[in-house]
Amino acid sequence: MFSTPQRAIRAVLLSQVLMAGAIVALDLRGTPAPAAPGLFAPPAQGPSVRPYRPDLRPAEPGAPAMRPMPEQLEFTAADGAIGIAGQIAPGDADRFVEWLDQTRPADTLVSLDSSGGSVADAVAIGRTIRSAGYRTQVAQGAVCLSACPYMLAGGTERRVADGGVVGVHQHDFGENTILPAFMAIRDLQRGQAGVLDFLTDMGVDLRLMSHALRTLPEDINILTPEVLADLRLVTD
């Protein structure tokens, strides 16, 4: 029998192989191929799945329904925490390291409010957070969506306050319309492998990827406090 992490890895790899076959078939034939029944997991459904708007975030109580989300991460040091807020743009991981070198904050808590974005940068920021020994949190009224949970996973201790929102969905690792489909799939598989390695190193259950892979990119799957604890994405 395979352990839970091994089953999760096998499920992710199987989904990528099936995706590769489907995309290559479409690339070669130019027409859709019928899906074999039972091979693909059903889409995520239920009240935890909602439309995804990376440019907006929930507002504070009493404010308008949604607030704009910055187009790249903004870093602050105030109120006893390092703040990371905004969409994760390519290059933000390097900008974060530069900001830390210039600012040298005394705080050891990172407070996140991000709708996600670049997966590679989120993972790199997560590793920087772990290397620095920082704790992470999603405060009340803040969000941590899409790739942001990889930054959350970097914390030596991880907390999501009541009213904080954490969600996942399918994501890509950059589109390349020049390369053939099979080469694009290779890039996707390398990216997914890097995420699996990262989650393992951070002590997060690999079943997090199952929740993500079942949710379309235009939707977001909001994880309940019970699921967050079960997946060890929070530590308290």
Protein backbone atom coordinates (compact mmCIF):
# COMPACT_ATOMS: atom_id res chain seq x y z
CA MET A 1 0.00 0.00 0.00
CA PHE A 2 1.16 3.50 -0.77
CA SER A 3 1.29 6.15 1.93
CA THR A 4 -0.91 9.24 1.59
CA PRO A 5 1.91 11.43 0.17
CA GLN A 6 2.79 8.72 -2.35
CA ARG A 7 -0.83 8.45 -3.47
CA ALA A 8 -0.98 12.22 -3.84
CA ILE A 9 2.14 12.26 -5.99
CA ARG A 10 0.84 9.42 -8.13
CA ALA A 11 -2.48 11.25 -8.61
CA VAL A 12 -0.72 14.46 -9.66
CA LEU A 13 1.57 12.65 -12.08
CA LEU A 14 -1.33 10.70 -13.57
CA SER A 15 -3.30 13.89 -14.12
CA GLN A 16 -0.32 15.45 -15.90
CA VAL A 17 0.14 12.41 -18.16
CA LEU A 18 -3.53 12.46 -19.09
CA MET A 19 -3.39 16.20 -19.72
CA ALA A 20 -0.33 15.77 -21.89
CA GLY A 21 -2.04 13.13 -23.98
CA ALA A 22 -5.14 15.23 -24.47
CA ILE A 23 -3.23 18.39 -25.42
CA VAL A 24 -0.87 16.59 -27.79
CA ALA A 25 -3.87 14.91 -29.44
CA LEU A 26 -5.53 18.29 -29.95
CA ASP A 27 -2.28 19.77 -31.21
CA LEU A 28 -1.84 17.02 -33.80
CA ARG A 29 -5.43 16.58 -34.95
CA GLY A 30 -6.77 20.09 -34.55
CA THR A 31 -10.10 18.66 -33.30
CA PRO A 32 -11.29 17.78 -29.80
CA ALA A 33 -10.86 14.18 -28.71
CA PRO A 34 -13.66 12.58 -26.67
CA ALA A 35 -12.75 12.12 -23.01
CA ALA A 36 -12.68 8.57 -21.74
CA PRO A 37 -15.27 8.16 -18.96
CA GLY A 38 -13.88 7.83 -15.45
CA LEU A 39 -10.38 9.07 -16.19
CA PHE A 40 -10.77 12.67 -15.07
CA ALA A 41 -11.86 13.80 -11.63
CA PRO A 42 -15.06 15.86 -11.57
CA PRO A 43 -14.69 19.61 -11.16
CA ALA A 44 -14.78 21.03 -7.66
CA GLN A 45 -18.28 22.06 -6.67
CA GLY A 46 -20.14 23.47 -3.71
CA PRO A 47 -20.23 26.67 -1.69
CA SER A 48 -16.46 26.68 -1.19
CA VAL A 49 -15.88 27.31 -4.93
CA ARG A 50 -16.44 30.83 -6.22
CA PRO A 51 -15.31 33.00 -9.17
CA TYR A 52 -11.68 34.14 -9.02
CA ARG A 53 -10.78 37.82 -9.38
CA PRO A 54 -7.01 38.29 -8.90
CA ASP A 55 -7.30 42.07 -9.24
CA LEU A 56 -9.70 42.41 -6.30
CA ARG A 57 -9.79 41.39 -2.64
CA PRO A 58 -12.49 41.44 0.05
CA ALA A 59 -12.95 44.76 1.79
CA GLU A 60 -12.83 45.49 5.48
CA PRO A 61 -16.18 45.45 7.33
CA GLY A 62 -18.30 48.45 6.42
CA ALA A 63 -16.34 49.21 3.22
CA PRO A 64 -17.49 48.52 -0.39
CA ALA A 65 -17.78 44.88 -1.35
CA MET A 66 -14.32 44.57 -2.95
CA ARG A 67 -11.05 46.50 -3.01
CA PRO A 68 -8.38 46.69 -5.76
CA MET A 69 -5.36 44.42 -5.44
CA PRO A 70 -1.95 45.92 -6.39
CA GLU A 71 -0.46 44.56 -9.62
CA GLN A 72 2.76 43.49 -7.89
CA LEU A 73 3.68 42.71 -4.31
CA GLU A 74 4.13 45.59 -1.90
CA PHE A 75 6.35 45.11 1.16
CA THR A 76 5.97 46.97 4.45
CA ALA A 77 7.24 46.72 8.00
CA ALA A 78 4.71 48.06 10.50
CA ASP A 79 2.63 47.04 13.51
CA GLY A 80 5.02 44.25 14.43
CA ALA A 81 4.85 42.42 11.11
CA ILE A 82 6.31 42.31 7.63
CA GLY A 83 3.43 42.93 5.24
CA ILE A 84 3.27 41.31 1.80
CA ALA A 85 0.27 42.46 -0.23
CA GLY A 86 -0.79 42.39 -3.87
CA GLN A 87 -0.67 40.17 -6.91
CA ILE A 88 2.55 38.17 -7.30
CA ALA A 89 4.34 39.46 -10.39
CA PRO A 90 7.37 37.85 -12.06
CA GLY A 91 10.48 39.14 -10.32
CA ASP A 92 8.77 39.75 -6.97
CA ALA A 93 10.91 37.09 -5.27
CA ASP A 94 14.08 39.03 -6.13
CA ARG A 95 12.41 42.28 -5.11
CA PHE A 96 11.55 40.76 -1.72
CA VAL A 97 15.14 39.71 -1.09
CA GLU A 98 16.35 43.18 -2.09
CA TRP A 99 13.77 44.79 0.20
CA LEU A 100 14.87 42.62 3.11
CA ASP A 101 18.52 43.53 2.50
CA GLN A 102 17.72 47.23 2.39
CA THR A 103 15.17 47.34 5.21
CA ARG A 104 16.49 44.65 7.55
CA PRO A 105 13.22 44.48 9.52
CA ALA A 106 13.35 43.32 13.11
CA ASP A 107 9.93 41.66 12.80
CA THR A 108 9.74 37.89 12.41
CA LEU A 109 6.06 37.62 11.42
CA VAL A 110 4.98 37.88 7.77
CA SER A 111 1.37 38.95 7.23
CA LEU A 112 -0.01 38.01 3.80
CA ASP A 113 -2.75 39.60 1.72
CA SER A 114 -2.34 38.35 -1.84
CA SER A 115 -4.55 37.04 -4.64
CA GLY A 116 -1.66 35.03 -6.09
CA GLY A 117 0.13 35.17 -9.42
CA SER A 118 3.57 33.84 -10.34
CA VAL A 119 3.96 30.35 -8.88
CA ALA A 120 7.76 30.33 -9.21
CA ASP A 121 8.04 33.63 -7.33
CA ALA A 122 5.62 32.47 -4.62
CA VAL A 123 7.67 29.31 -4.03
CA ALA A 124 10.92 31.31 -3.97
CA ILE A 125 9.44 33.78 -1.46
CA GLY A 126 8.24 30.83 0.63
CA ARG A 127 11.77 29.44 0.73
CA THR A 128 13.16 32.87 1.68
CA ILE A 129 10.63 33.09 4.50
CA ARG A 130 11.63 29.64 5.79
CA SER A 131 15.36 30.40 5.50
CA ALA A 132 14.86 33.55 7.57
CA GLY A 133 12.91 31.65 10.22
CA TYR A 134 9.82 33.84 9.84
CA ARG A 135 6.29 32.94 10.90
CA THR A 136 3.39 33.58 8.52
CA GLN A 137 -0.23 34.57 8.94
CA VAL A 138 -3.34 35.53 7.01
CA ALA A 139 -5.02 38.16 9.18
CA GLN A 140 -8.71 38.89 9.50
CA GLY A 141 -10.02 40.43 6.28
CA ALA A 142 -6.94 39.35 4.27
CA VAL A 143 -6.79 36.78 1.48
CA CYS A 144 -4.19 34.24 0.39
CA LEU A 145 -5.28 32.77 -2.93
CA SER A 146 -3.90 30.81 -5.88
CA ALA A 147 -0.08 30.79 -5.50
CA CYS A 148 -0.11 32.74 -2.22
CA PRO A 149 -0.48 29.58 -0.05
CA TYR A 150 3.08 28.70 -1.07
CA MET A 151 4.25 31.86 0.68
CA LEU A 152 2.10 30.91 3.68
CA ALA A 153 3.67 27.43 3.67
CA GLY A 154 7.12 28.96 4.13
CA GLY A 155 6.41 30.02 7.71
CA THR A 156 7.97 28.08 10.56
CA GLU A 157 4.59 28.63 12.23
CA ARG A 158 1.47 29.30 10.15
CA ARG A 159 -1.80 30.86 11.24
CA VAL A 160 -5.03 31.90 9.49
CA ALA A 161 -7.22 34.18 11.59
CA ASP A 162 -10.99 34.03 11.69
CA GLY A 163 -12.08 36.04 8.68
CA GLY A 164 -8.88 35.25 6.75
CA VAL A 165 -9.44 33.50 3.41
CA VAL A 166 -7.17 30.86 1.85
CA GLY A 167 -7.96 29.32 -1.53
CA VAL A 168 -6.36 27.26 -4.30
CA HIS A 169 -6.99 26.34 -7.93
CA GLN A 170 -5.20 25.09 -11.03
CA HIS A 171 -2.37 27.28 -12.18
CA ASP A 172 0.22 27.37 -14.91
CA PHE A 173 3.90 28.20 -14.99
CA GLY A 174 3.84 30.67 -17.85
CA GLU A 175 2.43 30.23 -21.32
CA ASN A 176 4.56 29.62 -24.39
CA THR A 177 2.69 29.75 -27.69
CA ILE A 178 5.83 29.05 -29.74
CA LEU A 179 6.88 25.68 -28.30
CA PRO A 180 5.01 22.51 -29.34
CA ALA A 181 2.39 21.26 -26.90
CA PHE A 182 4.49 18.35 -25.63
CA MET A 183 7.31 20.73 -24.66
CA ALA A 184 4.87 23.02 -22.85
CA ILE A 185 3.63 19.98 -20.90
CA ARG A 186 7.22 19.16 -19.93
CA ASP A 187 7.57 22.66 -18.48
CA LEU A 188 4.29 22.22 -16.60
CA GLN A 189 5.40 18.88 -15.17
CA ARG A 190 8.75 20.33 -14.04
CA GLY A 191 6.89 23.16 -12.36
CA GLN A 192 4.51 20.81 -10.58
CA ALA A 193 7.43 18.65 -9.44
CA GLY A 194 9.10 21.73 -7.97
CA VAL A 195 5.92 22.59 -6.07
CA LEU A 196 5.66 19.03 -4.70
CA ASP A 197 9.27 19.15 -3.53
CA PHE A 198 8.63 22.53 -1.88
CA LEU A 199 5.51 21.37 -0.04
CA THR A 200 7.35 18.29 1.19
CA ASP A 201 10.23 20.42 2.49
CA MET A 202 7.77 22.76 4.24
CA GLY A 203 5.92 19.90 5.94
CA VAL A 204 2.62 20.53 4.12
CA ASP A 205 0.43 17.60 3.09
CA LEU A 206 0.66 16.99 -0.65
CA ARG A 207 -3.11 16.55 -0.82
CA LEU A 208 -3.20 20.34 -1.11
CA MET A 209 -2.46 19.77 -4.81
CA SER A 210 -5.57 17.60 -5.15
CA HIS A 211 -7.77 20.50 -4.00
CA ALA A 212 -6.00 22.77 -6.48
CA LEU A 213 -6.08 20.45 -9.50
CA ARG A 214 -9.82 19.88 -9.18
CA THR A 215 -10.60 23.62 -9.38
CA LEU A 216 -10.57 25.47 -12.69
CA PRO A 217 -8.32 28.55 -13.03
CA GLU A 218 -11.31 30.89 -13.31
CA ASP A 219 -12.61 29.63 -9.94
CA ILE A 220 -11.08 29.52 -6.47
CA ASN A 221 -11.61 26.75 -3.90
CA ILE A 222 -11.79 28.29 -0.42
CA LEU A 223 -10.30 25.93 2.17
CA THR A 224 -12.14 25.57 5.45
CA PRO A 225 -10.29 25.82 8.78
CA GLU A 226 -10.69 22.05 9.15
CA VAL A 227 -9.08 21.39 5.76
CA LEU A 228 -6.26 23.85 6.47
CA ALA A 229 -5.46 22.02 9.69
CA ASP A 230 -5.75 18.59 8.07
CA LEU A 231 -3.33 19.59 5.31
CA ARG A 232 -0.94 21.13 7.87
CA LEU A 233 -1.07 24.45 6.05
CA VAL A 234 -1.69 25.93 9.49
CA THR A 235 0.23 24.81 12.54
CA ASP A 236 -1.92 26.06 15.43
